[in-house]
Amino acid sequence: MKDYKPQAVTDGYAVIKGQGDCNFNHIRIEAYDGDNAELQGHEFIRYELQICDGQDNQGRRFWKSIDLSDETKVKKFADMLWTITGMDFKDRETLQAGLDNLANRTVSVKYWGFVSEKEKALAKEEGREPEKIQTHIVKALAKKEGTVAKSDVPF
């Protein structure tokens, strides 16, 4: 990185709304490594989706972390895994097999932005516009396999 000159981000990572096909760039189980003491020792399913080439917003990415100790969120993830792969999981080994299966899939994703109630209140208190959070939901297996340009970013 010694000779690298940083460049300005041109899309501003603005919140986008739409639906399209995405590929999983990665999906894995990881231990929490942040500063929140309440989450120390927790494991998360973490994944990155990328909008396939040839579509609006191609190349944009979405991320999600699912705390394996949050039964409600794990059940939602299990429903998505079942919908896409027909696989379910009862333990870590079958969960890993399901993640490995998802990693090779192109999925249909709906994406949008929203403002949390906490952010609305804080923005009002501070006299500013609230900031939207980008979110998404994996809806189904895509009708055809998509491609994405791979970058050199190591995550």
N, C-alpha and C. Protein backbone atom coordinates (compact mmCIF):
# COMPACT_ATOMS: atom_id res chain seq x y z
N MET A 1 0.82 -1.19 0.00
CA MET A 1 0.00 0.00 0.00
C MET A 1 0.87 1.26 0.00
N LYS A 2 2.16 1.09 0.07
CA LYS A 2 3.06 2.23 0.13
C LYS A 2 2.85 3.20 -1.03
N ASP A 3 2.64 2.69 -2.23
CA ASP A 3 2.49 3.55 -3.41
C ASP A 3 1.03 3.79 -3.79
N TYR A 4 0.10 3.34 -2.97
CA TYR A 4 -1.31 3.49 -3.29
C TYR A 4 -1.82 4.86 -2.89
N LYS A 5 -2.53 5.52 -3.79
CA LYS A 5 -3.18 6.79 -3.49
C LYS A 5 -4.69 6.53 -3.43
N PRO A 6 -5.32 6.70 -2.26
CA PRO A 6 -6.75 6.44 -2.14
C PRO A 6 -7.56 7.30 -3.11
N GLN A 7 -8.68 6.74 -3.58
CA GLN A 7 -9.58 7.41 -4.51
C GLN A 7 -10.93 7.63 -3.82
N ALA A 8 -11.61 8.67 -4.19
CA ALA A 8 -12.92 8.97 -3.62
C ALA A 8 -13.93 7.91 -4.07
N VAL A 9 -14.80 7.52 -3.16
CA VAL A 9 -15.88 6.61 -3.50
C VAL A 9 -16.89 7.40 -4.31
N THR A 10 -17.27 6.89 -5.47
CA THR A 10 -18.13 7.66 -6.37
C THR A 10 -19.62 7.42 -6.17
N ASP A 11 -20.03 6.27 -5.64
CA ASP A 11 -21.47 6.07 -5.50
C ASP A 11 -21.99 6.52 -4.15
N GLY A 12 -21.09 6.87 -3.25
CA GLY A 12 -21.51 7.37 -1.95
C GLY A 12 -22.20 6.34 -1.08
N TYR A 13 -22.30 5.12 -1.55
CA TYR A 13 -22.99 4.06 -0.81
C TYR A 13 -24.38 4.49 -0.40
N ALA A 14 -25.05 5.23 -1.27
CA ALA A 14 -26.42 5.67 -1.00
C ALA A 14 -27.32 4.45 -0.88
N VAL A 15 -28.36 4.58 -0.08
CA VAL A 15 -29.33 3.51 0.06
C VAL A 15 -30.03 3.33 -1.28
N ILE A 16 -30.17 2.10 -1.70
CA ILE A 16 -30.83 1.79 -2.97
C ILE A 16 -32.06 0.93 -2.71
N LYS A 17 -33.00 0.99 -3.64
CA LYS A 17 -34.23 0.22 -3.52
C LYS A 17 -34.43 -0.55 -4.82
N GLY A 18 -34.80 -1.81 -4.70
CA GLY A 18 -35.07 -2.59 -5.89
C GLY A 18 -35.06 -4.07 -5.61
N GLN A 19 -34.95 -4.83 -6.68
CA GLN A 19 -34.88 -6.28 -6.59
C GLN A 19 -33.97 -6.76 -7.71
N GLY A 20 -33.16 -7.76 -7.42
CA GLY A 20 -32.28 -8.28 -8.44
C GLY A 20 -31.62 -9.57 -8.00
N ASP A 21 -30.84 -10.13 -8.90
CA ASP A 21 -30.11 -11.36 -8.61
C ASP A 21 -28.75 -11.01 -8.02
N CYS A 22 -28.37 -11.77 -7.02
CA CYS A 22 -27.10 -11.56 -6.33
C CYS A 22 -26.39 -12.90 -6.16
N ASN A 23 -25.07 -12.83 -6.10
CA ASN A 23 -24.26 -14.00 -5.77
C ASN A 23 -23.71 -13.83 -4.36
N PHE A 24 -23.58 -14.95 -3.65
CA PHE A 24 -22.89 -14.93 -2.37
C PHE A 24 -21.40 -14.84 -2.65
N ASN A 25 -20.74 -13.79 -2.17
CA ASN A 25 -19.28 -13.71 -2.27
C ASN A 25 -18.64 -14.58 -1.20
N HIS A 26 -19.26 -14.59 -0.03
CA HIS A 26 -18.82 -15.49 1.04
C HIS A 26 -19.95 -15.66 2.04
N ILE A 27 -19.92 -16.77 2.72
CA ILE A 27 -20.85 -17.05 3.82
C ILE A 27 -20.13 -18.00 4.76
N ARG A 28 -20.05 -17.62 6.04
CA ARG A 28 -19.28 -18.44 6.98
C ARG A 28 -19.71 -18.16 8.42
N ILE A 29 -19.27 -19.04 9.30
CA ILE A 29 -19.48 -18.86 10.73
C ILE A 29 -18.22 -18.22 11.29
N GLU A 30 -18.41 -17.14 12.05
CA GLU A 30 -17.27 -16.43 12.64
C GLU A 30 -17.56 -16.09 14.09
N ALA A 31 -16.53 -16.08 14.90
CA ALA A 31 -16.65 -15.64 16.28
C ALA A 31 -16.68 -14.11 16.30
N TYR A 32 -17.47 -13.54 17.19
CA TYR A 32 -17.54 -12.08 17.34
C TYR A 32 -16.18 -11.57 17.77
N ASP A 33 -15.72 -10.49 17.13
CA ASP A 33 -14.40 -9.95 17.48
C ASP A 33 -14.45 -8.45 17.75
N GLY A 34 -15.62 -7.94 18.10
CA GLY A 34 -15.77 -6.51 18.36
C GLY A 34 -15.60 -6.16 19.82
N ASP A 35 -15.96 -4.93 20.16
CA ASP A 35 -15.76 -4.40 21.52
C ASP A 35 -16.97 -4.55 22.43
N ASN A 36 -18.13 -4.96 21.90
CA ASN A 36 -19.34 -5.08 22.70
C ASN A 36 -19.22 -6.29 23.63
N ALA A 37 -19.10 -6.01 24.93
CA ALA A 37 -18.90 -7.08 25.92
C ALA A 37 -20.05 -8.09 25.92
N GLU A 38 -21.27 -7.64 25.62
CA GLU A 38 -22.43 -8.54 25.61
C GLU A 38 -22.34 -9.59 24.50
N LEU A 39 -21.58 -9.30 23.45
CA LEU A 39 -21.48 -10.23 22.32
C LEU A 39 -20.20 -11.08 22.34
N GLN A 40 -19.32 -10.82 23.30
CA GLN A 40 -18.11 -11.62 23.40
C GLN A 40 -18.48 -13.08 23.58
N GLY A 41 -17.82 -13.97 22.83
CA GLY A 41 -18.09 -15.39 22.91
C GLY A 41 -19.21 -15.86 21.98
N HIS A 42 -19.92 -14.92 21.35
CA HIS A 42 -20.98 -15.30 20.42
C HIS A 42 -20.40 -15.63 19.05
N GLU A 43 -21.11 -16.49 18.33
CA GLU A 43 -20.75 -16.79 16.95
C GLU A 43 -21.85 -16.28 16.04
N PHE A 44 -21.46 -15.88 14.84
CA PHE A 44 -22.38 -15.31 13.86
C PHE A 44 -22.23 -16.00 12.53
N ILE A 45 -23.34 -16.14 11.81
CA ILE A 45 -23.29 -16.45 10.39
C ILE A 45 -23.12 -15.09 9.73
N ARG A 46 -22.10 -14.94 8.91
CA ARG A 46 -21.87 -13.67 8.21
C ARG A 46 -21.78 -13.95 6.73
N TYR A 47 -22.44 -13.08 5.96
CA TYR A 47 -22.34 -13.24 4.52
C TYR A 47 -22.31 -11.91 3.80
N GLU A 48 -21.83 -11.99 2.56
CA GLU A 48 -21.82 -10.85 1.66
C GLU A 48 -22.46 -11.27 0.35
N LEU A 49 -23.42 -10.47 -0.11
CA LEU A 49 -24.06 -10.66 -1.41
C LEU A 49 -23.60 -9.54 -2.34
N GLN A 50 -23.51 -9.84 -3.63
CA GLN A 50 -23.16 -8.82 -4.61
C GLN A 50 -24.14 -8.89 -5.77
N ILE A 51 -24.68 -7.72 -6.18
CA ILE A 51 -25.62 -7.67 -7.30
C ILE A 51 -24.88 -8.09 -8.57
N CYS A 52 -25.48 -9.01 -9.30
CA CYS A 52 -24.86 -9.59 -10.50
C CYS A 52 -24.70 -8.55 -11.62
N ASP A 53 -23.75 -8.83 -12.49
CA ASP A 53 -23.49 -7.98 -13.64
C ASP A 53 -24.71 -7.89 -14.55
N GLY A 54 -24.84 -6.77 -15.23
CA GLY A 54 -25.92 -6.59 -16.20
C GLY A 54 -27.23 -6.13 -15.60
N GLN A 55 -27.25 -5.76 -14.31
CA GLN A 55 -28.46 -5.32 -13.65
C GLN A 55 -28.25 -3.91 -13.09
N ASP A 56 -29.35 -3.25 -12.79
CA ASP A 56 -29.23 -1.97 -12.10
C ASP A 56 -28.43 -2.19 -10.82
N ASN A 57 -27.58 -1.25 -10.50
CA ASN A 57 -26.77 -1.29 -9.27
C ASN A 57 -25.79 -2.46 -9.24
N GLN A 58 -25.38 -2.95 -10.42
CA GLN A 58 -24.45 -4.09 -10.44
C GLN A 58 -23.21 -3.77 -9.60
N GLY A 59 -22.75 -4.79 -8.92
CA GLY A 59 -21.55 -4.66 -8.10
C GLY A 59 -21.81 -4.22 -6.68
N ARG A 60 -22.97 -3.64 -6.39
CA ARG A 60 -23.26 -3.23 -5.01
C ARG A 60 -23.34 -4.47 -4.13
N ARG A 61 -22.98 -4.28 -2.89
CA ARG A 61 -22.91 -5.40 -1.95
C ARG A 61 -23.80 -5.17 -0.75
N PHE A 62 -24.26 -6.28 -0.20
CA PHE A 62 -25.07 -6.27 1.01
C PHE A 62 -24.44 -7.26 1.99
N TRP A 63 -24.51 -6.91 3.26
CA TRP A 63 -23.92 -7.77 4.30
C TRP A 63 -24.98 -8.08 5.35
N LYS A 64 -24.81 -9.21 5.97
CA LYS A 64 -25.68 -9.57 7.09
C LYS A 64 -24.90 -10.43 8.07
N SER A 65 -25.21 -10.23 9.35
CA SER A 65 -24.69 -11.05 10.44
C SER A 65 -25.87 -11.58 11.23
N ILE A 66 -25.87 -12.87 11.50
CA ILE A 66 -26.93 -13.50 12.27
C ILE A 66 -26.31 -14.12 13.50
N ASP A 67 -26.68 -13.61 14.67
CA ASP A 67 -26.16 -14.11 15.93
C ASP A 67 -26.75 -15.50 16.18
N LEU A 68 -25.89 -16.51 16.28
CA LEU A 68 -26.37 -17.88 16.46
C LEU A 68 -27.06 -18.10 17.80
N SER A 69 -26.94 -17.14 18.72
CA SER A 69 -27.65 -17.28 20.00
C SER A 69 -29.04 -16.64 19.95
N ASP A 70 -29.39 -15.99 18.85
CA ASP A 70 -30.70 -15.36 18.68
C ASP A 70 -31.62 -16.32 17.92
N GLU A 71 -32.42 -17.06 18.66
CA GLU A 71 -33.23 -18.13 18.07
C GLU A 71 -34.18 -17.62 16.99
N THR A 72 -34.77 -16.45 17.18
CA THR A 72 -35.70 -15.89 16.18
C THR A 72 -34.99 -15.65 14.86
N LYS A 73 -33.82 -15.02 14.90
CA LYS A 73 -33.07 -14.73 13.67
C LYS A 73 -32.54 -16.00 13.02
N VAL A 74 -32.13 -16.96 13.83
CA VAL A 74 -31.64 -18.23 13.29
C VAL A 74 -32.78 -18.97 12.59
N LYS A 75 -33.98 -18.91 13.15
CA LYS A 75 -35.13 -19.55 12.51
C LYS A 75 -35.44 -18.90 11.16
N LYS A 76 -35.36 -17.55 11.08
CA LYS A 76 -35.57 -16.86 9.80
C LYS A 76 -34.52 -17.31 8.79
N PHE A 77 -33.27 -17.43 9.24
CA PHE A 77 -32.21 -17.88 8.36
C PHE A 77 -32.47 -19.33 7.91
N ALA A 78 -32.93 -20.16 8.83
CA ALA A 78 -33.23 -21.56 8.50
C ALA A 78 -34.32 -21.63 7.43
N ASP A 79 -35.33 -20.75 7.52
CA ASP A 79 -36.38 -20.71 6.51
C ASP A 79 -35.81 -20.33 5.15
N MET A 80 -34.91 -19.36 5.12
CA MET A 80 -34.28 -18.95 3.87
C MET A 80 -33.43 -20.08 3.30
N LEU A 81 -32.65 -20.74 4.16
CA LEU A 81 -31.81 -21.85 3.71
C LEU A 81 -32.68 -22.97 3.11
N TRP A 82 -33.78 -23.28 3.77
CA TRP A 82 -34.69 -24.32 3.28
C TRP A 82 -35.30 -23.93 1.94
N THR A 83 -35.72 -22.67 1.82
CA THR A 83 -36.34 -22.17 0.58
C THR A 83 -35.37 -22.29 -0.59
N ILE A 84 -34.11 -21.97 -0.38
CA ILE A 84 -33.13 -21.93 -1.48
C ILE A 84 -32.54 -23.31 -1.78
N THR A 85 -32.20 -24.06 -0.73
CA THR A 85 -31.45 -25.30 -0.94
C THR A 85 -32.23 -26.57 -0.63
N GLY A 86 -33.34 -26.44 0.09
CA GLY A 86 -34.06 -27.63 0.53
C GLY A 86 -33.36 -28.32 1.70
N MET A 87 -32.35 -27.67 2.25
CA MET A 87 -31.59 -28.25 3.37
C MET A 87 -32.04 -27.61 4.68
N ASP A 88 -32.02 -28.38 5.75
CA ASP A 88 -32.18 -27.79 7.07
C ASP A 88 -31.00 -28.20 7.92
N PHE A 89 -30.91 -27.63 9.09
CA PHE A 89 -29.79 -27.96 9.96
C PHE A 89 -30.25 -28.15 11.38
N LYS A 90 -29.60 -29.09 12.04
CA LYS A 90 -29.90 -29.38 13.44
C LYS A 90 -28.69 -29.18 14.32
N ASP A 91 -27.51 -29.10 13.70
CA ASP A 91 -26.27 -28.93 14.45
C ASP A 91 -25.28 -28.15 13.58
N ARG A 92 -24.11 -27.90 14.14
CA ARG A 92 -23.11 -27.09 13.44
C ARG A 92 -22.65 -27.75 12.14
N GLU A 93 -22.51 -29.06 12.14
CA GLU A 93 -22.04 -29.77 10.94
C GLU A 93 -23.03 -29.62 9.78
N THR A 94 -24.33 -29.79 10.05
CA THR A 94 -25.31 -29.64 8.97
C THR A 94 -25.52 -28.17 8.60
N LEU A 95 -25.32 -27.25 9.57
CA LEU A 95 -25.35 -25.83 9.24
C LEU A 95 -24.22 -25.49 8.27
N GLN A 96 -23.02 -25.98 8.56
CA GLN A 96 -21.88 -25.71 7.68
C GLN A 96 -22.12 -26.28 6.28
N ALA A 97 -22.72 -27.46 6.20
CA ALA A 97 -23.03 -28.04 4.89
C ALA A 97 -24.01 -27.14 4.13
N GLY A 98 -25.00 -26.60 4.83
CA GLY A 98 -25.94 -25.69 4.21
C GLY A 98 -25.28 -24.40 3.73
N LEU A 99 -24.37 -23.86 4.53
CA LEU A 99 -23.65 -22.65 4.13
C LEU A 99 -22.79 -22.92 2.91
N ASP A 100 -22.13 -24.07 2.89
CA ASP A 100 -21.30 -24.43 1.74
C ASP A 100 -22.17 -24.53 0.48
N ASN A 101 -23.38 -25.06 0.62
CA ASN A 101 -24.30 -25.18 -0.50
C ASN A 101 -24.76 -23.79 -0.98
N LEU A 102 -25.06 -22.89 -0.06
CA LEU A 102 -25.49 -21.54 -0.42
C LEU A 102 -24.39 -20.76 -1.14
N ALA A 103 -23.14 -21.01 -0.78
CA ALA A 103 -22.02 -20.24 -1.33
C ALA A 103 -21.94 -20.33 -2.84
N ASN A 104 -22.55 -21.32 -3.43
CA ASN A 104 -22.49 -21.51 -4.89
C ASN A 104 -23.78 -21.10 -5.58
N ARG A 105 -24.62 -20.33 -4.94
CA ARG A 105 -25.94 -20.02 -5.47
C ARG A 105 -26.08 -18.56 -5.90
N THR A 106 -26.94 -18.36 -6.90
CA THR A 106 -27.40 -17.02 -7.27
C THR A 106 -28.83 -16.93 -6.76
N VAL A 107 -29.11 -15.86 -6.02
CA VAL A 107 -30.41 -15.72 -5.37
C VAL A 107 -31.08 -14.42 -5.77
N SER A 108 -32.40 -14.42 -5.70
CA SER A 108 -33.19 -13.21 -5.94
C SER A 108 -33.31 -12.47 -4.61
N VAL A 109 -32.97 -11.18 -4.64
CA VAL A 109 -32.91 -10.38 -3.42
C VAL A 109 -33.72 -9.11 -3.58
N LYS A 110 -34.48 -8.76 -2.57
CA LYS A 110 -35.19 -7.48 -2.52
C LYS A 110 -34.42 -6.61 -1.54
N TYR A 111 -34.18 -5.34 -1.92
CA TYR A 111 -33.39 -4.46 -1.05
C TYR A 111 -34.03 -3.07 -0.98
N TRP A 112 -33.87 -2.44 0.18
CA TRP A 112 -34.48 -1.14 0.44
C TRP A 112 -33.81 -0.52 1.65
N GLY A 113 -34.20 0.70 1.97
CA GLY A 113 -33.70 1.38 3.16
C GLY A 113 -34.82 1.65 4.14
N PHE A 114 -34.48 1.78 5.40
CA PHE A 114 -35.46 2.14 6.42
C PHE A 114 -34.76 2.95 7.49
N VAL A 115 -35.56 3.61 8.31
CA VAL A 115 -35.05 4.39 9.44
C VAL A 115 -35.62 3.79 10.71
N SER A 116 -34.73 3.43 11.64
CA SER A 116 -35.18 2.85 12.91
C SER A 116 -35.84 3.94 13.77
N GLU A 117 -36.69 3.52 14.67
CA GLU A 117 -37.34 4.46 15.58
C GLU A 117 -36.31 5.19 16.43
N LYS A 118 -35.29 4.48 16.85
CA LYS A 118 -34.23 5.08 17.67
C LYS A 118 -33.52 6.19 16.88
N GLU A 119 -33.22 5.93 15.59
CA GLU A 119 -32.57 6.93 14.75
C GLU A 119 -33.48 8.12 14.50
N LYS A 120 -34.78 7.88 14.29
CA LYS A 120 -35.73 8.98 14.10
C LYS A 120 -35.72 9.92 15.30
N ALA A 121 -35.78 9.34 16.50
CA ALA A 121 -35.80 10.14 17.73
C ALA A 121 -34.49 10.91 17.90
N LEU A 122 -33.37 10.24 17.67
CA LEU A 122 -32.06 10.88 17.83
C LEU A 122 -31.88 12.02 16.82
N ALA A 123 -32.28 11.79 15.58
CA ALA A 123 -32.16 12.82 14.54
C ALA A 123 -33.04 14.03 14.88
N LYS A 124 -34.24 13.78 15.38
CA LYS A 124 -35.14 14.87 15.75
C LYS A 124 -34.51 15.68 16.88
N GLU A 125 -33.98 14.98 17.87
CA GLU A 125 -33.33 15.64 19.01
C GLU A 125 -32.14 16.49 18.57
N GLU A 126 -31.39 15.99 17.57
CA GLU A 126 -30.20 16.69 17.09
C GLU A 126 -30.51 17.67 15.96
N GLY A 127 -31.77 17.73 15.51
CA GLY A 127 -32.16 18.67 14.47
C GLY A 127 -31.57 18.35 13.10
N ARG A 128 -31.54 17.09 12.76
CA ARG A 128 -30.99 16.66 11.47
C ARG A 128 -31.92 15.65 10.84
N GLU A 129 -31.64 15.35 9.56
CA GLU A 129 -32.39 14.32 8.86
C GLU A 129 -31.93 12.94 9.35
N PRO A 130 -32.85 12.01 9.55
CA PRO A 130 -32.43 10.66 9.98
C PRO A 130 -31.70 9.93 8.86
N GLU A 131 -30.77 9.07 9.24
CA GLU A 131 -30.01 8.29 8.27
C GLU A 131 -30.70 6.94 8.04
N LYS A 132 -30.84 6.59 6.77
CA LYS A 132 -31.44 5.31 6.42
C LYS A 132 -30.40 4.20 6.55
N ILE A 133 -30.90 3.02 6.84
CA ILE A 133 -30.08 1.82 6.91
C ILE A 133 -30.45 0.94 5.72
N GLN A 134 -29.43 0.47 5.00
CA GLN A 134 -29.68 -0.44 3.87
C GLN A 134 -29.99 -1.82 4.43
N THR A 135 -31.03 -2.43 3.91
CA THR A 135 -31.36 -3.79 4.33
C THR A 135 -31.77 -4.61 3.11
N HIS A 136 -31.94 -5.89 3.31
CA HIS A 136 -32.31 -6.77 2.20
C HIS A 136 -32.94 -8.05 2.74
N ILE A 137 -33.59 -8.75 1.84
CA ILE A 137 -34.11 -10.08 2.16
C ILE A 137 -33.90 -10.97 0.94
N VAL A 138 -33.40 -12.16 1.20
CA VAL A 138 -33.23 -13.15 0.14
C VAL A 138 -34.60 -13.80 -0.07
N LYS A 139 -35.11 -13.70 -1.31
CA LYS A 139 -36.48 -14.15 -1.59
C LYS A 139 -36.56 -15.58 -2.13
N ALA A 140 -35.62 -15.93 -3.02
CA ALA A 140 -35.73 -17.22 -3.70
C ALA A 140 -34.43 -17.52 -4.45
N LEU A 141 -34.35 -18.71 -4.95
CA LEU A 141 -33.28 -19.08 -5.86
C LEU A 141 -33.53 -18.34 -7.16
N ALA A 142 -32.50 -17.73 -7.74
CA ALA A 142 -32.66 -17.00 -9.00
C ALA A 142 -32.98 -17.97 -10.12
N LYS A 143 -33.63 -17.47 -11.16
CA LYS A 143 -34.01 -18.31 -12.29
C LYS A 143 -32.81 -18.74 -13.13
N LYS A 144 -31.73 -17.95 -13.08
CA LYS A 144 -30.51 -18.32 -13.80
C LYS A 144 -29.29 -17.89 -12.99
N GLU A 145 -28.18 -18.53 -13.26
CA GLU A 145 -26.95 -18.22 -12.55
C GLU A 145 -26.40 -16.89 -13.03
N GLY A 146 -25.99 -16.04 -12.11
CA GLY A 146 -25.43 -14.74 -12.44
C GLY A 146 -23.94 -14.72 -12.24
N THR A 147 -23.30 -13.65 -12.73
CA THR A 147 -21.87 -13.47 -12.54
C THR A 147 -21.62 -12.11 -11.92
N VAL A 148 -20.53 -12.01 -11.20
CA VAL A 148 -20.09 -10.75 -10.63
C VAL A 148 -18.61 -10.58 -10.88
N ALA A 149 -18.20 -9.34 -11.07
CA ALA A 149 -16.78 -9.04 -11.20
C ALA A 149 -16.15 -9.16 -9.84
N LYS A 150 -15.14 -9.98 -9.71
CA LYS A 150 -14.47 -10.16 -8.43
C LYS A 150 -13.46 -9.04 -8.24
N SER A 151 -13.39 -8.54 -7.02
CA SER A 151 -12.43 -7.47 -6.74
C SER A 151 -11.28 -8.03 -5.93
N ASP A 152 -10.31 -7.21 -5.72
CA ASP A 152 -9.14 -7.59 -4.94
C ASP A 152 -9.33 -7.33 -3.45
N VAL A 153 -10.52 -6.86 -3.05
CA VAL A 153 -10.76 -6.57 -1.66
C VAL A 153 -10.80 -7.89 -0.89
N PRO A 154 -10.00 -8.03 0.14
CA PRO A 154 -9.83 -9.34 0.82
C PRO A 154 -10.91 -9.68 1.85
N PHE A 155 -12.15 -9.23 1.65
CA PHE A 155 -13.21 -9.62 2.58
C PHE A 155 -14.50 -9.81 1.85
